[in-house]
Amino acid sequence: MYDFHYNYIRKKYTDCQLLFTDTDLLFYHIKTEDVYEDFFKDKAFFCRKNKKVIGKFKDEAAGKPIVEFIGLKSKMYSYNDKNN
């Protein structure tokens, strides 16, 4: 996860903000036209065949941009996606 953060995210999106982390979670604020398209071009995306594979990423929001986030503590958070 550190490698992904420092060697991909921080280099590609120099003005991004890491909002919080958990044991298996990185939550960012990234300003870009389409982060999913960026990830796809760079092969840094979640693929369904990797579901439940240790060491692979998954998309908590299932491809929908998150527009509002509320976090209280570890494993206790809520978010709204663009469609809600």
C-alpha atoms as a PDB file:
ATOM      1  CA  MET A   1       0.000   0.000   0.000  1.00  0.00           C
ATOM      2  CA  TYR A   2       2.893   2.367   0.726  1.00  0.00           C
ATOM      3  CA  ASP A   3       4.360   1.623  -2.692  1.00  0.00           C
ATOM      4  CA  PHE A   4       1.044   2.453  -4.379  1.00  0.00           C
ATOM      5  CA  HIS A   5       0.674   5.658  -2.368  1.00  0.00           C
ATOM      6  CA  TYR A   6       4.195   7.056  -2.820  1.00  0.00           C
ATOM      7  CA  ASN A   7       5.168   5.669  -6.209  1.00  0.00           C
ATOM      8  CA  TYR A   8       1.870   5.998  -8.055  1.00  0.00           C
ATOM      9  CA  ILE A   9      -0.629   8.352  -6.384  1.00  0.00           C
ATOM     10  CA  ARG A  10       1.807  10.999  -5.069  1.00  0.00           C
ATOM     11  CA  LYS A  11       3.719  11.103  -8.365  1.00  0.00           C
ATOM     12  CA  LYS A  12       0.663  11.217 -10.630  1.00  0.00           C
ATOM     13  CA  TYR A  13      -1.570  13.493  -8.518  1.00  0.00           C
ATOM     14  CA  THR A  14       0.806  15.896  -6.782  1.00  0.00           C
ATOM     15  CA  ASP A  15      -2.017  17.950  -5.250  1.00  0.00           C
ATOM     16  CA  CYS A  16      -4.083  14.997  -3.966  1.00  0.00           C
ATOM     17  CA  GLN A  17      -4.946  14.609  -0.301  1.00  0.00           C
ATOM     18  CA  LEU A  18      -4.846  11.359   1.622  1.00  0.00           C
ATOM     19  CA  LEU A  19      -7.917  11.843   3.799  1.00  0.00           C
ATOM     20  CA  PHE A  20      -7.471   8.800   6.025  1.00  0.00           C
ATOM     21  CA  THR A  21      -6.179   5.265   6.128  1.00  0.00           C
ATOM     22  CA  ASP A  22      -7.176   2.088   7.876  1.00  0.00           C
ATOM     23  CA  THR A  23      -5.531  -1.319   7.990  1.00  0.00           C
ATOM     24  CA  ASP A  24      -6.694  -2.097   4.448  1.00  0.00           C
ATOM     25  CA  LEU A  25      -7.967   1.223   3.117  1.00  0.00           C
ATOM     26  CA  LEU A  26      -6.632   4.400   1.498  1.00  0.00           C
ATOM     27  CA  PHE A  27      -9.170   7.202   1.060  1.00  0.00           C
ATOM     28  CA  TYR A  28      -8.119  10.095  -1.211  1.00  0.00           C
ATOM     29  CA  HIS A  29      -9.370  13.407  -2.494  1.00  0.00           C
ATOM     30  CA  ILE A  30      -8.084  13.518  -6.092  1.00  0.00           C
ATOM     31  CA  LYS A  31      -8.847  16.284  -8.571  1.00  0.00           C
ATOM     32  CA  THR A  32      -8.911  14.839 -12.072  1.00  0.00           C
ATOM     33  CA  GLU A  33     -11.308  14.549 -14.977  1.00  0.00           C
ATOM     34  CA  ASP A  34     -11.900  10.793 -14.502  1.00  0.00           C
ATOM     35  CA  VAL A  35      -9.837   8.885 -11.948  1.00  0.00           C
ATOM     36  CA  TYR A  36     -11.213   5.545 -13.164  1.00  0.00           C
ATOM     37  CA  GLU A  37     -10.010   6.252 -16.699  1.00  0.00           C
ATOM     38  CA  ASP A  38      -6.597   7.254 -15.308  1.00  0.00           C
ATOM     39  CA  PHE A  39      -6.354   4.020 -13.326  1.00  0.00           C
ATOM     40  CA  PHE A  40      -7.448   1.967 -16.328  1.00  0.00           C
ATOM     41  CA  LYS A  41      -4.833   3.557 -18.610  1.00  0.00           C
ATOM     42  CA  ASP A  42      -2.100   2.914 -16.052  1.00  0.00           C
ATOM     43  CA  LYS A  43      -3.316  -0.604 -15.202  1.00  0.00           C
ATOM     44  CA  ALA A  44      -3.832   0.484 -11.578  1.00  0.00           C
ATOM     45  CA  PHE A  45      -7.431  -0.632 -11.341  1.00  0.00           C
ATOM     46  CA  PHE A  46      -9.528  -3.225  -9.547  1.00  0.00           C
ATOM     47  CA  CYS A  47     -10.450  -6.204 -11.671  1.00  0.00           C
ATOM     48  CA  ARG A  48     -13.319  -8.506 -10.711  1.00  0.00           C
ATOM     49  CA  LYS A  49     -11.098 -11.574 -11.131  1.00  0.00           C
ATOM     50  CA  ASN A  50      -9.003 -10.252  -8.216  1.00  0.00           C
ATOM     51  CA  LYS A  51     -11.980 -10.171  -5.840  1.00  0.00           C
ATOM     52  CA  LYS A  52     -10.973 -11.592  -2.446  1.00  0.00           C
ATOM     53  CA  VAL A  53      -7.338 -11.962  -3.574  1.00  0.00           C
ATOM     54  CA  ILE A  54      -4.940 -10.871  -0.829  1.00  0.00           C
ATOM     55  CA  GLY A  55      -2.860  -7.852  -1.841  1.00  0.00           C
ATOM     56  CA  LYS A  56      -5.261  -6.609  -4.532  1.00  0.00           C
ATOM     57  CA  PHE A  57      -7.372  -3.445  -4.383  1.00  0.00           C
ATOM     58  CA  LYS A  58     -11.128  -3.171  -4.561  1.00  0.00           C
ATOM     59  CA  ASP A  59     -13.395  -0.205  -5.211  1.00  0.00           C
ATOM     60  CA  GLU A  60     -15.671   0.379  -2.207  1.00  0.00           C
ATOM     61  CA  ALA A  61     -18.013   2.590  -4.239  1.00  0.00           C
ATOM     62  CA  ALA A  62     -18.317   0.250  -7.243  1.00  0.00           C
ATOM     63  CA  GLY A  63     -17.156   2.858  -9.758  1.00  0.00           C
ATOM     64  CA  LYS A  64     -19.355   5.724  -8.533  1.00  0.00           C
ATOM     65  CA  PRO A  65     -17.600   8.938  -7.443  1.00  0.00           C
ATOM     66  CA  ILE A  66     -17.985   9.674  -3.727  1.00  0.00           C
ATOM     67  CA  VAL A  67     -19.247  13.211  -3.118  1.00  0.00           C
ATOM     68  CA  GLU A  68     -19.689  13.219   0.659  1.00  0.00           C
ATOM     69  CA  PHE A  69     -17.875  11.339   3.407  1.00  0.00           C
ATOM     70  CA  ILE A  70     -18.359  11.125   7.177  1.00  0.00           C
ATOM     71  CA  GLY A  71     -15.885   9.172   9.294  1.00  0.00           C
ATOM     72  CA  LEU A  72     -16.212   8.647  13.022  1.00  0.00           C
ATOM     73  CA  LYS A  73     -13.506   6.098  13.764  1.00  0.00           C
ATOM     74  CA  SER A  74     -11.831   3.007  12.355  1.00  0.00           C
ATOM     75  CA  LYS A  75     -14.304   0.863  10.382  1.00  0.00           C
ATOM     76  CA  MET A  76     -17.108   3.332  11.183  1.00  0.00           C
ATOM     77  CA  TYR A  77     -17.754   5.611   8.230  1.00  0.00           C
ATOM     78  CA  SER A  78     -20.446   6.540   5.745  1.00  0.00           C
ATOM     79  CA  TYR A  79     -20.395   8.057   2.268  1.00  0.00           C
ATOM     80  CA  ASN A  80     -22.757   9.198  -0.464  1.00  0.00           C
ATOM     81  CA  ASP A  81     -21.997   8.583  -4.080  1.00  0.00           C
ATOM     82  CA  LYS A  82     -22.824  10.829  -7.018  1.00  0.00           C
ATOM     83  CA  ASN A  83     -26.175   9.099  -7.638  1.00  0.00           C
ATOM     84  CA  ASN A  84     -27.603   9.665  -4.128  1.00  0.00           C
END
